[in-house]
N, C-alpha and C. Protein backbone atom coordinates (compact mmCIF):
# COMPACT_ATOMS: atom_id res chain seq x y z
N MET A 1 -74.46 -40.40 56.68
CA MET A 1 -74.31 -39.68 58.11
C MET A 1 -75.26 -40.58 59.15
N LEU A 2 -76.40 -40.67 59.02
CA LEU A 2 -77.00 -41.63 60.22
C LEU A 2 -76.88 -42.82 59.94
N GLY A 3 -76.11 -43.76 58.82
CA GLY A 3 -75.68 -44.78 59.14
C GLY A 3 -74.53 -45.08 59.64
N ILE A 4 -73.49 -43.82 59.75
CA ILE A 4 -72.35 -44.18 60.54
C ILE A 4 -72.53 -44.18 62.29
N ILE A 5 -73.77 -43.16 62.46
CA ILE A 5 -74.28 -43.64 63.97
C ILE A 5 -74.81 -44.70 64.39
N TRP A 6 -75.31 -45.58 63.31
CA TRP A 6 -75.80 -46.90 63.84
C TRP A 6 -74.98 -48.05 63.74
N ILE A 7 -74.03 -47.51 62.83
CA ILE A 7 -72.74 -48.85 63.11
C ILE A 7 -72.20 -48.69 64.03
N THR A 8 -71.69 -47.42 64.37
CA THR A 8 -71.17 -47.08 65.52
C THR A 8 -71.67 -47.65 66.72
N LEU A 9 -73.31 -47.65 67.33
CA LEU A 9 -73.75 -47.53 68.28
C LEU A 9 -73.89 -49.32 68.04
N ALA A 10 -73.98 -49.86 67.13
CA ALA A 10 -74.10 -51.95 66.99
C ALA A 10 -72.72 -52.11 67.43
N VAL A 11 -71.79 -51.56 67.02
CA VAL A 11 -70.57 -52.13 67.52
C VAL A 11 -70.25 -52.00 68.88
N VAL A 12 -70.68 -50.73 69.42
CA VAL A 12 -70.73 -50.79 70.93
C VAL A 12 -71.42 -51.66 71.74
N PHE A 13 -72.48 -51.76 71.11
CA PHE A 13 -73.42 -52.94 72.16
C PHE A 13 -72.94 -54.26 71.91
N PHE A 14 -72.07 -54.57 70.38
CA PHE A 14 -71.82 -56.12 70.24
C PHE A 14 -70.67 -56.31 71.19
N TYR A 15 -69.71 -55.10 71.12
CA TYR A 15 -68.58 -55.60 72.34
C TYR A 15 -68.85 -55.73 73.51
N PHE A 16 -69.73 -54.28 74.23
CA PHE A 16 -70.52 -54.57 75.36
C PHE A 16 -71.12 -55.96 75.58
N SER A 17 -71.64 -56.63 74.93
CA SER A 17 -72.25 -57.83 74.98
C SER A 17 -71.24 -59.00 74.99
N ILE A 18 -70.11 -59.06 74.49
CA ILE A 18 -69.08 -59.93 74.29
C ILE A 18 -68.37 -59.57 76.00
N ILE A 19 -68.36 -58.53 76.24
CA ILE A 19 -67.38 -58.19 77.59
C ILE A 19 -68.19 -58.99 78.45
N TYR A 20 -69.87 -58.68 78.63
CA TYR A 20 -70.59 -58.91 79.85
C TYR A 20 -70.38 -60.62 79.91
N TRP A 21 -70.56 -61.27 78.26
CA TRP A 21 -70.60 -62.43 78.30
C TRP A 21 -69.41 -63.19 78.77
N ARG A 22 -68.19 -62.74 78.86
CA ARG A 22 -66.73 -63.15 79.30
C ARG A 22 -66.87 -62.91 80.88
N TYR A 23 -67.71 -61.95 81.59
CA TYR A 23 -67.63 -61.76 82.88
C TYR A 23 -68.46 -62.72 83.76
N SER A 24 -69.40 -63.25 82.78
CA SER A 24 -70.26 -64.41 83.22
C SER A 24 -69.77 -65.86 83.26
N THR A 25 -68.56 -65.34 82.55
CA THR A 25 -68.21 -67.16 82.73
C THR A 25 -66.81 -67.27 83.58
N SER A 26 -66.39 -66.13 84.24
CA SER A 26 -65.15 -66.15 85.12
C SER A 26 -65.75 -65.60 86.63
N PRO A 27 -65.81 -66.52 87.26
CA PRO A 27 -66.49 -66.54 88.68
C PRO A 27 -65.09 -65.73 89.31
N MET A 28 -65.57 -65.38 90.75
CA MET A 28 -64.59 -64.97 91.81
C MET A 28 -63.84 -66.27 92.31
N ARG A 29 -62.66 -65.85 92.38
CA ARG A 29 -61.85 -66.80 93.03
C ARG A 29 -62.06 -67.11 94.34
N SER A 30 -62.11 -68.52 94.84
CA SER A 30 -62.21 -69.20 95.97
C SER A 30 -61.09 -68.52 97.18
N PHE A 31 -61.49 -67.88 98.20
CA PHE A 31 -60.83 -67.47 99.22
C PHE A 31 -60.05 -68.85 99.97
N ILE A 32 -58.90 -68.59 100.25
CA ILE A 32 -57.89 -69.66 100.97
C ILE A 32 -57.70 -69.01 102.43
N PHE A 33 -58.39 -69.93 103.20
CA PHE A 33 -58.10 -69.65 104.55
C PHE A 33 -56.92 -70.32 105.03
N ARG A 34 -56.10 -69.64 105.95
CA ARG A 34 -54.77 -70.05 106.87
C ARG A 34 -55.71 -70.52 107.70
N ASN A 35 -54.47 -71.89 108.08
CA ASN A 35 -55.02 -72.38 109.44
C ASN A 35 -54.22 -71.96 110.64
N ILE A 36 -55.04 -71.58 111.51
CA ILE A 36 -54.63 -71.08 112.50
C ILE A 36 -53.45 -71.86 113.59
N GLU A 37 -53.47 -73.30 113.42
CA GLU A 37 -52.40 -73.77 113.87
C GLU A 37 -51.29 -73.72 113.56
N GLU A 38 -51.07 -73.32 112.16
CA GLU A 38 -49.78 -73.26 111.50
C GLU A 38 -49.13 -71.56 111.57
N THR A 39 -49.91 -70.51 112.00
CA THR A 39 -49.48 -69.14 112.30
C THR A 39 -49.44 -68.88 113.44
N GLN A 40 -49.86 -69.73 114.49
CA GLN A 40 -49.57 -69.67 116.08
C GLN A 40 -50.08 -70.64 116.82
N GLN A 41 -49.08 -70.94 117.55
CA GLN A 41 -49.43 -72.32 118.63
C GLN A 41 -50.21 -71.49 119.53
N VAL A 42 -51.67 -72.05 119.41
CA VAL A 42 -52.64 -71.50 120.53
C VAL A 42 -53.33 -72.99 121.22
N GLU A 43 -52.72 -73.00 122.73
CA GLU A 43 -53.05 -73.99 123.53
C GLU A 43 -54.20 -73.90 124.08
N GLY A 44 -55.07 -74.71 124.53
CA GLY A 44 -56.22 -74.52 125.01
C GLY A 44 -57.78 -74.83 124.26
N SER A 45 -58.03 -73.79 123.53
CA SER A 45 -59.67 -73.75 122.94
C SER A 45 -59.55 -74.35 121.38
N GLU A 46 -58.54 -75.15 121.21
CA GLU A 46 -58.18 -75.48 119.84
C GLU A 46 -59.33 -75.81 119.18
N SER A 47 -60.35 -76.77 119.57
CA SER A 47 -61.35 -77.59 119.26
C SER A 47 -62.69 -76.11 118.99
N GLU A 48 -62.80 -75.62 119.93
CA GLU A 48 -63.78 -74.20 119.40
C GLU A 48 -63.38 -73.64 118.60
N SER A 49 -62.10 -73.35 118.20
CA SER A 49 -61.87 -72.19 117.32
C SER A 49 -61.50 -72.98 115.97
N SER A 50 -61.28 -74.34 116.17
CA SER A 50 -61.44 -75.03 114.61
C SER A 50 -62.78 -75.16 114.28
N GLN A 51 -63.41 -75.68 115.36
CA GLN A 51 -65.16 -75.64 114.92
C GLN A 51 -65.69 -74.28 114.34
N PHE A 52 -65.30 -73.26 114.85
CA PHE A 52 -66.01 -71.94 114.60
C PHE A 52 -65.16 -71.51 113.06
N SER A 53 -64.13 -71.68 113.28
CA SER A 53 -63.52 -71.66 111.52
C SER A 53 -63.78 -72.58 110.39
N ASP A 54 -64.19 -73.91 110.86
CA ASP A 54 -64.95 -74.60 109.70
C ASP A 54 -66.45 -74.26 109.52
N GLU A 55 -67.10 -73.83 110.36
CA GLU A 55 -68.16 -73.51 110.35
C GLU A 55 -68.15 -72.09 109.51
N PHE A 56 -67.74 -71.08 109.60
CA PHE A 56 -67.20 -70.07 108.97
C PHE A 56 -66.83 -69.96 107.29
N LYS A 57 -66.03 -70.84 107.30
CA LYS A 57 -65.51 -71.53 105.69
C LYS A 57 -66.66 -71.98 105.20
N ARG A 58 -67.60 -72.92 105.56
CA ARG A 58 -68.54 -73.31 104.95
C ARG A 58 -69.40 -72.52 104.51
N ASP A 59 -69.79 -71.50 105.37
CA ASP A 59 -70.88 -70.43 105.54
C ASP A 59 -70.06 -69.33 104.25
N PHE A 60 -69.12 -68.94 104.57
CA PHE A 60 -68.05 -68.15 103.36
C PHE A 60 -68.21 -68.88 102.35
N GLU A 61 -67.89 -69.64 102.15
CA GLU A 61 -67.57 -70.64 100.69
C GLU A 61 -69.10 -70.70 99.89
N GLY A 62 -70.07 -71.02 100.70
CA GLY A 62 -71.56 -70.74 100.20
C GLY A 62 -72.00 -69.74 99.66
N PHE A 63 -71.36 -68.52 100.43
CA PHE A 63 -71.86 -67.19 100.22
C PHE A 63 -71.29 -66.82 98.56
N LEU A 64 -69.84 -67.34 98.85
CA LEU A 64 -69.30 -66.94 97.28
C LEU A 64 -69.97 -67.73 96.03
N SER A 65 -70.32 -68.60 96.37
CA SER A 65 -70.86 -69.52 95.51
C SER A 65 -72.53 -68.84 95.35
N SER A 66 -73.23 -68.62 96.05
CA SER A 66 -74.12 -67.86 95.80
C SER A 66 -73.94 -66.30 94.68
N ILE A 67 -72.91 -65.80 95.31
CA ILE A 67 -72.59 -64.76 94.53
C ILE A 67 -72.36 -64.70 92.73
N ASN A 68 -71.24 -66.00 93.24
CA ASN A 68 -70.93 -66.47 91.74
C ASN A 68 -72.16 -66.81 90.59
N ASN A 69 -73.15 -67.65 91.24
CA ASN A 69 -74.13 -67.63 90.50
C ASN A 69 -75.25 -66.68 90.06
N THR A 70 -75.21 -65.66 91.45
CA THR A 70 -76.24 -64.69 90.86
C THR A 70 -75.63 -63.94 89.87
N ASN A 71 -74.00 -63.57 90.05
CA ASN A 71 -73.47 -62.93 88.89
C ASN A 71 -73.40 -63.17 87.64
N LYS A 72 -73.59 -64.61 87.54
CA LYS A 72 -73.69 -65.08 86.30
C LYS A 72 -74.89 -65.04 85.44
N VAL A 73 -75.92 -64.99 86.10
CA VAL A 73 -77.00 -64.71 85.52
C VAL A 73 -77.30 -63.37 85.37
N ARG A 74 -76.94 -62.37 85.97
CA ARG A 74 -76.94 -60.96 85.90
C ARG A 74 -76.15 -60.44 84.71
N TYR A 75 -74.66 -60.92 84.79
CA TYR A 75 -74.22 -60.78 83.47
C TYR A 75 -74.59 -61.29 81.97
N ARG A 76 -75.14 -62.65 82.08
CA ARG A 76 -75.71 -63.18 80.84
C ARG A 76 -77.05 -62.27 80.68
N VAL A 77 -77.84 -61.85 81.48
CA VAL A 77 -78.97 -60.95 81.08
C VAL A 77 -78.53 -59.66 80.35
N ALA A 78 -77.63 -59.36 81.07
CA ALA A 78 -77.03 -58.00 80.47
C ALA A 78 -76.14 -58.34 79.00
N ALA A 79 -75.60 -59.30 79.04
CA ALA A 79 -75.02 -59.82 77.72
C ALA A 79 -76.22 -59.71 76.65
N ALA A 80 -77.40 -60.55 77.18
CA ALA A 80 -78.60 -60.60 76.04
C ALA A 80 -79.02 -59.34 75.55
N GLY A 81 -79.35 -58.48 76.87
CA GLY A 81 -79.83 -57.16 76.57
C GLY A 81 -78.71 -56.23 75.37
N PHE A 82 -77.26 -56.30 75.53
CA PHE A 82 -76.33 -55.73 74.55
C PHE A 82 -76.90 -56.21 73.07
N LEU A 83 -76.83 -57.56 73.25
CA LEU A 83 -76.81 -58.42 71.85
C LEU A 83 -78.04 -58.06 71.36
N ILE A 84 -79.29 -57.41 72.04
CA ILE A 84 -80.46 -57.43 71.66
C ILE A 84 -80.69 -55.92 70.92
N ALA A 85 -79.83 -55.08 71.95
CA ALA A 85 -79.61 -53.61 71.50
C ALA A 85 -78.68 -53.47 70.44
N GLY A 86 -77.73 -54.28 69.72
CA GLY A 86 -76.89 -54.18 68.83
C GLY A 86 -77.80 -54.73 67.36
N ILE A 87 -78.65 -55.57 67.73
CA ILE A 87 -79.20 -56.32 66.84
C ILE A 87 -80.15 -55.04 66.30
N ASN A 88 -80.72 -54.57 67.37
CA ASN A 88 -81.49 -53.57 66.88
C ASN A 88 -81.06 -52.49 65.94
N ALA A 89 -79.76 -52.01 66.56
CA ALA A 89 -79.26 -51.03 65.96
C ALA A 89 -78.82 -51.25 64.64
N LEU A 90 -78.33 -52.24 64.20
CA LEU A 90 -78.14 -52.73 62.57
C LEU A 90 -79.23 -52.81 61.92
N SER A 91 -80.81 -53.20 62.63
CA SER A 91 -81.97 -53.07 62.00
C SER A 91 -82.46 -51.86 61.56
N ASN A 92 -82.27 -51.05 62.66
CA ASN A 92 -82.33 -49.16 62.41
C ASN A 92 -81.59 -48.76 61.11
N LEU A 93 -80.29 -49.40 61.19
CA LEU A 93 -79.29 -48.98 60.07
C LEU A 93 -79.97 -48.98 58.52
N PHE A 94 -80.52 -50.71 58.27
CA PHE A 94 -81.40 -50.72 57.20
C PHE A 94 -82.78 -49.96 56.82
N LEU A 95 -83.13 -49.56 57.83
CA LEU A 95 -84.90 -48.83 57.75
C LEU A 95 -84.37 -47.62 57.19
N PHE A 96 -83.48 -46.98 57.81
CA PHE A 96 -83.45 -45.16 57.40
C PHE A 96 -82.15 -45.09 56.59
């Protein structure tokens, strides 16, 4: 009876390990910015809005990149933790 519980826990932990490893390999998709000139014809302060939008694009892409890197590390640590828990559950199966 106790063996069934340990096997079930090991399967669940290994499943979570695989899922979180897959999460670590799929980054958030990049954001596509629409060009203001294409959507509206604005006259006057085109250079100022263009400069602002270019700066915002760089900052936002940097933000997405940092989030992707952070999530990659977090998901891989979680996957490693679930893998260790699964191995521990299997070792407890043979001890009891």
